[in-house]
Amino acid sequence: MGNAGAVTVRPAGAGDARAIAEVHVRAWQEAYAHLLPAAYLAALDVDARAARWEGLVVEPGLTVVVAECDGAVVGWASAGPGREEPAVRDRELEGIYVLAAHHATGAGQALLDAAIGAEPAFLWVAEGNPRAEAFSRRNGFERDGAAKHVPIGPSGMDAVRMVR
């Protein structure tokens, strides 16, 4: 299941934007194939995401970390102040993705630890993504009853909030 190479985690820099974008797109294609239309996922634009990540990795108050294996970025996580008003916690795990080939290697746990540690936080997880929800539960997050529809692609996706 997992790749045998050792995983290391470090803060992301502007030079990582393209690699983060590539993981972002591929991880979405892997994780959301059963939730979003195939045509939408196939059309995700790495260049557009890379341009966005160039700004995000240097944004004050935002923590962006990458997981590497054998010198290649295989995952990323980002955390910042809650994006909602009022925020249910001071920190939000805004995103965490690991390529499927590197599941069960410890990369996801190392990313979460580097991004938010053990502090109180919240996150949104796609409804119907049991792997992500189980990972969040293992790290002390529980559903708090909040849900929303996120406009992604032609149909969107339902998400539930988890808090610790």
N, C-alpha and C. Protein backbone atom coordinates (compact mmCIF):
# COMPACT_ATOMS: atom_id res chain seq x y z
N MET A 1 0.82 -1.20 0.00
CA MET A 1 0.00 0.00 0.00
C MET A 1 0.85 1.25 0.00
N GLY A 2 1.79 1.40 0.94
CA GLY A 2 2.60 2.60 1.01
C GLY A 2 3.92 2.45 0.30
N ASN A 3 4.52 3.56 -0.07
CA ASN A 3 5.82 3.58 -0.71
C ASN A 3 6.89 3.35 0.35
N ALA A 4 7.96 2.65 0.03
CA ALA A 4 8.97 2.29 1.00
C ALA A 4 9.93 3.41 1.36
N GLY A 5 10.02 4.49 0.55
CA GLY A 5 10.95 5.57 0.83
C GLY A 5 10.58 6.33 2.08
N ALA A 6 11.59 6.92 2.73
CA ALA A 6 11.34 7.71 3.93
C ALA A 6 10.69 9.04 3.56
N VAL A 7 9.72 9.44 4.37
CA VAL A 7 9.01 10.69 4.16
C VAL A 7 9.57 11.75 5.10
N THR A 8 9.83 12.93 4.54
CA THR A 8 10.23 14.07 5.36
C THR A 8 9.25 15.20 5.10
N VAL A 9 9.06 16.04 6.11
CA VAL A 9 8.16 17.18 6.00
C VAL A 9 8.94 18.44 6.29
N ARG A 10 8.66 19.48 5.50
CA ARG A 10 9.34 20.76 5.68
C ARG A 10 8.40 21.89 5.27
N PRO A 11 8.72 23.12 5.72
CA PRO A 11 7.92 24.27 5.28
C PRO A 11 8.05 24.44 3.77
N ALA A 12 6.95 24.82 3.14
CA ALA A 12 6.97 25.06 1.69
C ALA A 12 7.51 26.45 1.40
N GLY A 13 8.13 26.59 0.24
CA GLY A 13 8.60 27.88 -0.25
C GLY A 13 8.00 28.15 -1.61
N ALA A 14 8.23 29.34 -2.12
CA ALA A 14 7.67 29.73 -3.41
C ALA A 14 8.10 28.77 -4.52
N GLY A 15 9.28 28.20 -4.42
CA GLY A 15 9.76 27.26 -5.43
C GLY A 15 9.01 25.93 -5.43
N ASP A 16 8.16 25.71 -4.43
CA ASP A 16 7.39 24.47 -4.35
C ASP A 16 6.01 24.58 -4.98
N ALA A 17 5.65 25.76 -5.46
CA ALA A 17 4.27 26.00 -5.92
C ALA A 17 3.84 25.00 -6.99
N ARG A 18 4.68 24.75 -7.97
CA ARG A 18 4.29 23.83 -9.05
C ARG A 18 4.11 22.41 -8.53
N ALA A 19 5.04 21.95 -7.70
CA ALA A 19 4.94 20.59 -7.16
C ALA A 19 3.69 20.45 -6.28
N ILE A 20 3.38 21.47 -5.49
CA ILE A 20 2.16 21.43 -4.68
C ILE A 20 0.95 21.36 -5.59
N ALA A 21 0.93 22.17 -6.64
CA ALA A 21 -0.20 22.17 -7.57
C ALA A 21 -0.36 20.81 -8.25
N GLU A 22 0.74 20.19 -8.61
CA GLU A 22 0.66 18.87 -9.24
C GLU A 22 0.06 17.85 -8.29
N VAL A 23 0.49 17.87 -7.03
CA VAL A 23 -0.08 16.97 -6.03
C VAL A 23 -1.55 17.32 -5.79
N HIS A 24 -1.85 18.60 -5.72
CA HIS A 24 -3.22 19.06 -5.49
C HIS A 24 -4.16 18.46 -6.54
N VAL A 25 -3.80 18.60 -7.80
CA VAL A 25 -4.63 18.10 -8.90
C VAL A 25 -4.72 16.58 -8.86
N ARG A 26 -3.59 15.92 -8.76
CA ARG A 26 -3.61 14.45 -8.79
C ARG A 26 -4.33 13.87 -7.58
N ALA A 27 -4.12 14.46 -6.41
CA ALA A 27 -4.80 13.96 -5.21
C ALA A 27 -6.31 14.16 -5.31
N TRP A 28 -6.75 15.28 -5.88
CA TRP A 28 -8.18 15.47 -6.10
C TRP A 28 -8.71 14.41 -7.05
N GLN A 29 -7.98 14.13 -8.11
CA GLN A 29 -8.41 13.12 -9.08
C GLN A 29 -8.53 11.75 -8.42
N GLU A 30 -7.64 11.47 -7.49
CA GLU A 30 -7.66 10.19 -6.78
C GLU A 30 -8.75 10.15 -5.71
N ALA A 31 -8.85 11.21 -4.92
CA ALA A 31 -9.75 11.21 -3.76
C ALA A 31 -11.21 11.46 -4.11
N TYR A 32 -11.45 12.21 -5.16
CA TYR A 32 -12.82 12.64 -5.44
C TYR A 32 -13.41 12.03 -6.71
N ALA A 33 -12.79 10.97 -7.23
CA ALA A 33 -13.29 10.34 -8.45
C ALA A 33 -14.73 9.86 -8.30
N HIS A 34 -15.13 9.50 -7.10
CA HIS A 34 -16.49 9.03 -6.87
C HIS A 34 -17.45 10.18 -6.47
N LEU A 35 -16.92 11.39 -6.33
CA LEU A 35 -17.74 12.51 -5.88
C LEU A 35 -17.92 13.62 -6.92
N LEU A 36 -16.99 13.73 -7.85
CA LEU A 36 -17.04 14.78 -8.86
C LEU A 36 -16.97 14.17 -10.26
N PRO A 37 -17.53 14.83 -11.25
CA PRO A 37 -17.52 14.28 -12.61
C PRO A 37 -16.09 14.10 -13.15
N ALA A 38 -15.89 12.99 -13.86
CA ALA A 38 -14.57 12.67 -14.42
C ALA A 38 -14.07 13.77 -15.34
N ALA A 39 -14.95 14.35 -16.14
CA ALA A 39 -14.53 15.41 -17.07
C ALA A 39 -14.02 16.63 -16.31
N TYR A 40 -14.66 16.96 -15.21
CA TYR A 40 -14.21 18.09 -14.40
C TYR A 40 -12.82 17.80 -13.83
N LEU A 41 -12.66 16.63 -13.25
CA LEU A 41 -11.37 16.27 -12.65
C LEU A 41 -10.26 16.21 -13.70
N ALA A 42 -10.57 15.70 -14.88
CA ALA A 42 -9.56 15.62 -15.95
C ALA A 42 -9.13 16.99 -16.43
N ALA A 43 -10.01 17.98 -16.29
CA ALA A 43 -9.72 19.33 -16.79
C ALA A 43 -9.05 20.23 -15.75
N LEU A 44 -8.78 19.72 -14.55
CA LEU A 44 -8.12 20.56 -13.55
C LEU A 44 -6.79 21.07 -14.09
N ASP A 45 -6.50 22.34 -13.86
CA ASP A 45 -5.37 23.03 -14.47
C ASP A 45 -4.23 23.21 -13.47
N VAL A 46 -3.16 22.47 -13.68
CA VAL A 46 -1.99 22.56 -12.79
C VAL A 46 -1.40 23.96 -12.85
N ASP A 47 -1.30 24.56 -14.04
CA ASP A 47 -0.70 25.89 -14.16
C ASP A 47 -1.47 26.93 -13.36
N ALA A 48 -2.79 26.90 -13.42
CA ALA A 48 -3.60 27.85 -12.66
C ALA A 48 -3.42 27.64 -11.17
N ARG A 49 -3.38 26.41 -10.75
CA ARG A 49 -3.18 26.14 -9.32
C ARG A 49 -1.77 26.54 -8.88
N ALA A 50 -0.78 26.34 -9.73
CA ALA A 50 0.59 26.73 -9.38
C ALA A 50 0.67 28.24 -9.17
N ALA A 51 0.01 28.99 -10.02
CA ALA A 51 0.02 30.45 -9.87
C ALA A 51 -0.62 30.85 -8.54
N ARG A 52 -1.68 30.18 -8.17
CA ARG A 52 -2.34 30.48 -6.89
C ARG A 52 -1.44 30.09 -5.71
N TRP A 53 -0.78 28.93 -5.81
CA TRP A 53 0.09 28.48 -4.73
C TRP A 53 1.31 29.38 -4.54
N GLU A 54 1.78 30.03 -5.61
CA GLU A 54 2.91 30.94 -5.46
C GLU A 54 2.61 32.02 -4.43
N GLY A 55 1.40 32.50 -4.40
CA GLY A 55 0.99 33.49 -3.41
C GLY A 55 0.69 32.89 -2.06
N LEU A 56 0.08 31.71 -2.05
CA LEU A 56 -0.31 31.10 -0.78
C LEU A 56 0.88 30.72 0.09
N VAL A 57 1.95 30.18 -0.50
CA VAL A 57 3.06 29.70 0.31
C VAL A 57 3.79 30.83 1.04
N VAL A 58 3.60 32.07 0.62
CA VAL A 58 4.24 33.20 1.29
C VAL A 58 3.24 34.10 2.02
N GLU A 59 1.99 33.67 2.08
CA GLU A 59 0.95 34.47 2.73
C GLU A 59 1.15 34.49 4.24
N PRO A 60 1.23 35.69 4.85
CA PRO A 60 1.39 35.77 6.30
C PRO A 60 0.22 35.08 7.01
N GLY A 61 0.54 34.35 8.07
CA GLY A 61 -0.49 33.69 8.86
C GLY A 61 -0.89 32.33 8.33
N LEU A 62 -0.46 31.98 7.13
CA LEU A 62 -0.79 30.68 6.55
C LEU A 62 0.43 29.77 6.66
N THR A 63 0.23 28.58 7.20
CA THR A 63 1.28 27.58 7.29
C THR A 63 1.09 26.61 6.15
N VAL A 64 2.12 26.44 5.32
CA VAL A 64 2.07 25.46 4.24
C VAL A 64 3.31 24.58 4.38
N VAL A 65 3.07 23.27 4.45
CA VAL A 65 4.15 22.31 4.58
C VAL A 65 4.01 21.26 3.48
N VAL A 66 5.13 20.69 3.09
CA VAL A 66 5.13 19.63 2.08
C VAL A 66 5.77 18.38 2.64
N ALA A 67 5.29 17.25 2.15
CA ALA A 67 5.91 15.95 2.45
C ALA A 67 6.67 15.53 1.20
N GLU A 68 7.90 15.08 1.41
CA GLU A 68 8.74 14.62 0.31
C GLU A 68 9.14 13.17 0.53
N CYS A 69 9.27 12.47 -0.57
CA CYS A 69 9.80 11.12 -0.56
C CYS A 69 10.76 11.02 -1.73
N ASP A 70 11.98 10.65 -1.45
CA ASP A 70 13.01 10.54 -2.49
C ASP A 70 13.12 11.83 -3.31
N GLY A 71 13.00 12.98 -2.64
CA GLY A 71 13.16 14.28 -3.28
C GLY A 71 11.95 14.80 -4.02
N ALA A 72 10.86 14.05 -4.05
CA ALA A 72 9.65 14.49 -4.76
C ALA A 72 8.55 14.84 -3.75
N VAL A 73 7.82 15.91 -4.02
CA VAL A 73 6.69 16.29 -3.16
C VAL A 73 5.58 15.28 -3.40
N VAL A 74 5.10 14.66 -2.31
CA VAL A 74 4.05 13.64 -2.39
C VAL A 74 2.81 14.04 -1.59
N GLY A 75 2.88 15.18 -0.92
CA GLY A 75 1.73 15.65 -0.14
C GLY A 75 1.96 17.05 0.35
N TRP A 76 0.88 17.67 0.82
CA TRP A 76 0.98 19.02 1.37
C TRP A 76 -0.16 19.22 2.37
N ALA A 77 0.03 20.19 3.23
CA ALA A 77 -1.03 20.62 4.16
C ALA A 77 -0.92 22.12 4.32
N SER A 78 -2.07 22.75 4.55
CA SER A 78 -2.09 24.19 4.82
C SER A 78 -3.04 24.46 5.98
N ALA A 79 -2.67 25.41 6.80
CA ALA A 79 -3.48 25.79 7.96
C ALA A 79 -3.35 27.29 8.18
N GLY A 80 -4.43 27.88 8.62
CA GLY A 80 -4.42 29.31 8.89
C GLY A 80 -5.54 29.67 9.85
N PRO A 81 -5.73 30.97 10.03
CA PRO A 81 -6.84 31.39 10.87
C PRO A 81 -8.14 30.95 10.20
N GLY A 82 -9.15 30.67 10.98
CA GLY A 82 -10.42 30.21 10.41
C GLY A 82 -10.91 31.15 9.32
N ARG A 83 -11.38 30.59 8.21
CA ARG A 83 -11.86 31.39 7.08
C ARG A 83 -13.32 31.78 7.22
N GLU A 84 -13.94 31.39 8.31
CA GLU A 84 -15.36 31.70 8.52
C GLU A 84 -15.51 32.68 9.66
N GLU A 85 -16.57 33.43 9.63
CA GLU A 85 -16.88 34.35 10.72
C GLU A 85 -18.21 33.96 11.34
N PRO A 86 -18.28 33.71 12.61
CA PRO A 86 -17.12 33.55 13.49
C PRO A 86 -16.50 32.16 13.31
N ALA A 87 -15.21 32.09 13.50
CA ALA A 87 -14.51 30.81 13.40
C ALA A 87 -14.79 30.00 14.66
N VAL A 88 -15.02 28.73 14.50
CA VAL A 88 -15.31 27.84 15.62
C VAL A 88 -14.05 27.55 16.44
N ARG A 89 -12.89 27.67 15.83
CA ARG A 89 -11.57 27.55 16.48
C ARG A 89 -10.66 28.58 15.82
N ASP A 90 -9.52 28.87 16.48
CA ASP A 90 -8.59 29.86 15.94
C ASP A 90 -7.81 29.36 14.72
N ARG A 91 -7.67 28.03 14.57
CA ARG A 91 -6.92 27.47 13.44
C ARG A 91 -7.82 26.55 12.63
N GLU A 92 -7.64 26.63 11.32
CA GLU A 92 -8.34 25.76 10.40
C GLU A 92 -7.32 24.98 9.59
N LEU A 93 -7.47 23.68 9.56
CA LEU A 93 -6.69 22.87 8.64
C LEU A 93 -7.40 23.02 7.30
N GLU A 94 -6.86 23.88 6.45
CA GLU A 94 -7.53 24.25 5.21
C GLU A 94 -7.45 23.16 4.16
N GLY A 95 -6.38 22.40 4.17
CA GLY A 95 -6.24 21.32 3.22
C GLY A 95 -5.12 20.39 3.62
N ILE A 96 -5.30 19.13 3.30
CA ILE A 96 -4.25 18.13 3.52
C ILE A 96 -4.47 17.02 2.49
N TYR A 97 -3.47 16.79 1.66
CA TYR A 97 -3.57 15.80 0.60
C TYR A 97 -2.26 15.05 0.46
N VAL A 98 -2.36 13.75 0.27
CA VAL A 98 -1.22 12.88 0.03
C VAL A 98 -1.57 12.01 -1.17
N LEU A 99 -0.65 11.86 -2.09
CA LEU A 99 -0.89 10.99 -3.24
C LEU A 99 -1.21 9.57 -2.76
N ALA A 100 -2.12 8.92 -3.44
CA ALA A 100 -2.57 7.58 -3.03
C ALA A 100 -1.42 6.59 -2.90
N ALA A 101 -0.41 6.72 -3.75
CA ALA A 101 0.74 5.81 -3.68
C ALA A 101 1.51 5.96 -2.38
N HIS A 102 1.25 7.04 -1.64
CA HIS A 102 1.97 7.29 -0.39
C HIS A 102 1.06 7.26 0.83
N HIS A 103 -0.17 6.73 0.65
CA HIS A 103 -1.03 6.50 1.80
C HIS A 103 -0.37 5.43 2.67
N ALA A 104 -0.61 5.51 3.95
CA ALA A 104 -0.09 4.53 4.93
C ALA A 104 1.43 4.58 5.08
N THR A 105 2.05 5.72 4.76
CA THR A 105 3.49 5.86 4.93
C THR A 105 3.82 6.77 6.12
N GLY A 106 2.79 7.38 6.71
CA GLY A 106 3.01 8.35 7.77
C GLY A 106 3.07 9.78 7.25
N ALA A 107 2.98 9.95 5.94
CA ALA A 107 3.07 11.29 5.36
C ALA A 107 1.93 12.18 5.84
N GLY A 108 0.71 11.68 5.83
CA GLY A 108 -0.44 12.47 6.27
C GLY A 108 -0.31 12.89 7.72
N GLN A 109 0.10 11.97 8.57
CA GLN A 109 0.25 12.29 9.99
C GLN A 109 1.34 13.33 10.20
N ALA A 110 2.45 13.17 9.52
CA ALA A 110 3.55 14.13 9.64
C ALA A 110 3.12 15.51 9.15
N LEU A 111 2.34 15.56 8.08
CA LEU A 111 1.85 16.84 7.59
C LEU A 111 0.91 17.51 8.59
N LEU A 112 -0.02 16.73 9.13
CA LEU A 112 -0.95 17.29 10.12
C LEU A 112 -0.18 17.80 11.33
N ASP A 113 0.75 17.01 11.82
CA ASP A 113 1.54 17.41 12.99
C ASP A 113 2.29 18.71 12.72
N ALA A 114 2.86 18.85 11.53
CA ALA A 114 3.62 20.06 11.20
C ALA A 114 2.71 21.27 10.99
N ALA A 115 1.52 21.05 10.46
CA ALA A 115 0.63 22.16 10.15
C ALA A 115 -0.12 22.71 11.35
N ILE A 116 -0.61 21.81 12.23
CA ILE A 116 -1.41 22.28 13.37
C ILE A 116 -1.02 21.66 14.70
N GLY A 117 -0.14 20.69 14.70
CA GLY A 117 0.24 20.05 15.94
C GLY A 117 -0.97 19.47 16.64
N ALA A 118 -1.03 19.63 17.95
CA ALA A 118 -2.14 19.09 18.75
C ALA A 118 -3.12 20.18 19.16
N GLU A 119 -2.95 21.39 18.62
CA GLU A 119 -3.79 22.50 19.05
C GLU A 119 -5.24 22.35 18.58
N PRO A 120 -6.17 23.00 19.28
CA PRO A 120 -7.55 22.99 18.83
C PRO A 120 -7.65 23.56 17.41
N ALA A 121 -8.47 22.93 16.60
CA ALA A 121 -8.60 23.34 15.20
C ALA A 121 -9.91 22.79 14.64
N PHE A 122 -10.20 23.19 13.41
CA PHE A 122 -11.33 22.61 12.70
C PHE A 122 -10.94 22.39 11.25
N LEU A 123 -11.74 21.60 10.56
CA LEU A 123 -11.53 21.32 9.16
C LEU A 123 -12.86 20.96 8.53
N TRP A 124 -12.89 21.00 7.22
CA TRP A 124 -14.04 20.54 6.46
C TRP A 124 -13.61 19.32 5.67
N VAL A 125 -14.43 18.29 5.68
CA VAL A 125 -14.14 17.07 4.94
C VAL A 125 -15.31 16.76 4.02
N ALA A 126 -15.00 16.29 2.84
CA ALA A 126 -16.05 15.94 1.88
C ALA A 126 -16.92 14.83 2.44
N GLU A 127 -18.22 15.03 2.40
CA GLU A 127 -19.15 13.96 2.77
C GLU A 127 -18.93 12.84 1.76
N GLY A 128 -18.81 11.62 2.25
CA GLY A 128 -18.55 10.51 1.34
C GLY A 128 -17.07 10.26 1.12
N ASN A 129 -16.21 10.79 1.99
CA ASN A 129 -14.77 10.53 1.91
C ASN A 129 -14.37 9.85 3.22
N PRO A 130 -14.70 8.56 3.37
CA PRO A 130 -14.48 7.88 4.64
C PRO A 130 -13.02 7.81 5.07
N ARG A 131 -12.10 7.74 4.12
CA ARG A 131 -10.68 7.68 4.49
C ARG A 131 -10.26 8.96 5.20
N ALA A 132 -10.64 10.11 4.64
CA ALA A 132 -10.29 11.40 5.25
C ALA A 132 -10.98 11.57 6.60
N GLU A 133 -12.23 11.15 6.69
CA GLU A 133 -12.93 11.29 7.97
C GLU A 133 -12.31 10.40 9.04
N ALA A 134 -11.93 9.17 8.68
CA ALA A 134 -11.30 8.28 9.65
C ALA A 134 -9.96 8.84 10.11
N PHE A 135 -9.18 9.39 9.20
CA PHE A 135 -7.91 10.02 9.56
C PHE A 135 -8.15 11.16 10.54
N SER A 136 -9.14 11.98 10.25
CA SER A 136 -9.45 13.12 11.13
C SER A 136 -9.89 12.63 12.51
N ARG A 137 -10.71 11.61 12.55
CA ARG A 137 -11.16 11.06 13.84
C ARG A 137 -9.97 10.52 14.65
N ARG A 138 -9.05 9.84 13.98
CA ARG A 138 -7.85 9.34 14.68
C ARG A 138 -7.05 10.47 15.30
N ASN A 139 -7.22 11.67 14.78
CA ASN A 139 -6.49 12.83 15.28
C ASN A 139 -7.36 13.73 16.17
N GLY A 140 -8.44 13.17 16.69
CA GLY A 140 -9.24 13.86 17.69
C GLY A 140 -10.36 14.74 17.16
N PHE A 141 -10.58 14.76 15.87
CA PHE A 141 -11.65 15.59 15.29
C PHE A 141 -12.96 14.82 15.30
N GLU A 142 -14.04 15.53 15.57
CA GLU A 142 -15.38 14.95 15.54
C GLU A 142 -16.29 15.89 14.78
N ARG A 143 -17.28 15.32 14.10
CA ARG A 143 -18.29 16.15 13.44
C ARG A 143 -19.01 16.98 14.49
N ASP A 144 -19.27 18.25 14.16
CA ASP A 144 -19.99 19.11 15.10
C ASP A 144 -21.40 19.45 14.62
N GLY A 145 -21.82 18.84 13.53
CA GLY A 145 -23.17 19.06 13.02
C GLY A 145 -23.26 20.08 11.90
N ALA A 146 -22.20 20.85 11.67
CA ALA A 146 -22.23 21.85 10.60
C ALA A 146 -21.97 21.15 9.26
N ALA A 147 -22.69 21.59 8.24
CA ALA A 147 -22.53 21.06 6.90
C ALA A 147 -22.72 22.19 5.91
N LYS A 148 -22.16 22.03 4.72
CA LYS A 148 -22.34 23.04 3.68
C LYS A 148 -22.18 22.38 2.32
N HIS A 149 -22.71 23.05 1.32
CA HIS A 149 -22.52 22.63 -0.06
C HIS A 149 -21.46 23.54 -0.66
N VAL A 150 -20.41 22.95 -1.18
CA VAL A 150 -19.29 23.70 -1.75
C VAL A 150 -19.44 23.70 -3.27
N PRO A 151 -19.53 24.87 -3.89
CA PRO A 151 -19.65 24.91 -5.35
C PRO A 151 -18.33 24.59 -6.04
N ILE A 152 -18.18 23.33 -6.42
CA ILE A 152 -16.97 22.86 -7.12
C ILE A 152 -17.44 22.18 -8.39
N GLY A 153 -16.92 22.61 -9.51
CA GLY A 153 -17.30 21.99 -10.76
C GLY A 153 -18.78 22.22 -11.07
N PRO A 154 -19.35 21.37 -11.90
CA PRO A 154 -20.73 21.58 -12.34
C PRO A 154 -21.79 21.27 -11.28
N SER A 155 -21.45 20.44 -10.30
CA SER A 155 -22.48 20.04 -9.34
C SER A 155 -22.16 20.37 -7.89
N GLY A 156 -20.91 20.58 -7.57
CA GLY A 156 -20.53 20.87 -6.19
C GLY A 156 -20.34 19.61 -5.37
N MET A 157 -20.05 19.83 -4.09
CA MET A 157 -19.76 18.74 -3.18
C MET A 157 -20.27 19.13 -1.80
N ASP A 158 -20.80 18.17 -1.07
CA ASP A 158 -21.22 18.41 0.30
C ASP A 158 -20.04 18.17 1.24
N ALA A 159 -19.93 19.00 2.27
CA ALA A 159 -18.84 18.89 3.23
C ALA A 159 -19.39 18.99 4.65
N VAL A 160 -18.72 18.35 5.57
CA VAL A 160 -19.08 18.43 6.99
C VAL A 160 -17.90 18.96 7.77
N ARG A 161 -18.21 19.71 8.81
CA ARG A 161 -17.14 20.28 9.64
C ARG A 161 -16.81 19.33 10.77
N MET A 162 -15.51 19.22 11.04
CA MET A 162 -15.01 18.43 12.16
C MET A 162 -14.15 19.35 13.03
N VAL A 163 -14.27 19.17 14.34
CA VAL A 163 -13.63 20.07 15.30
C VAL A 163 -12.95 19.25 16.39
N ARG A 164 -11.84 19.77 16.90
CA ARG A 164 -11.22 19.21 18.11
C ARG A 164 -10.81 20.35 19.02
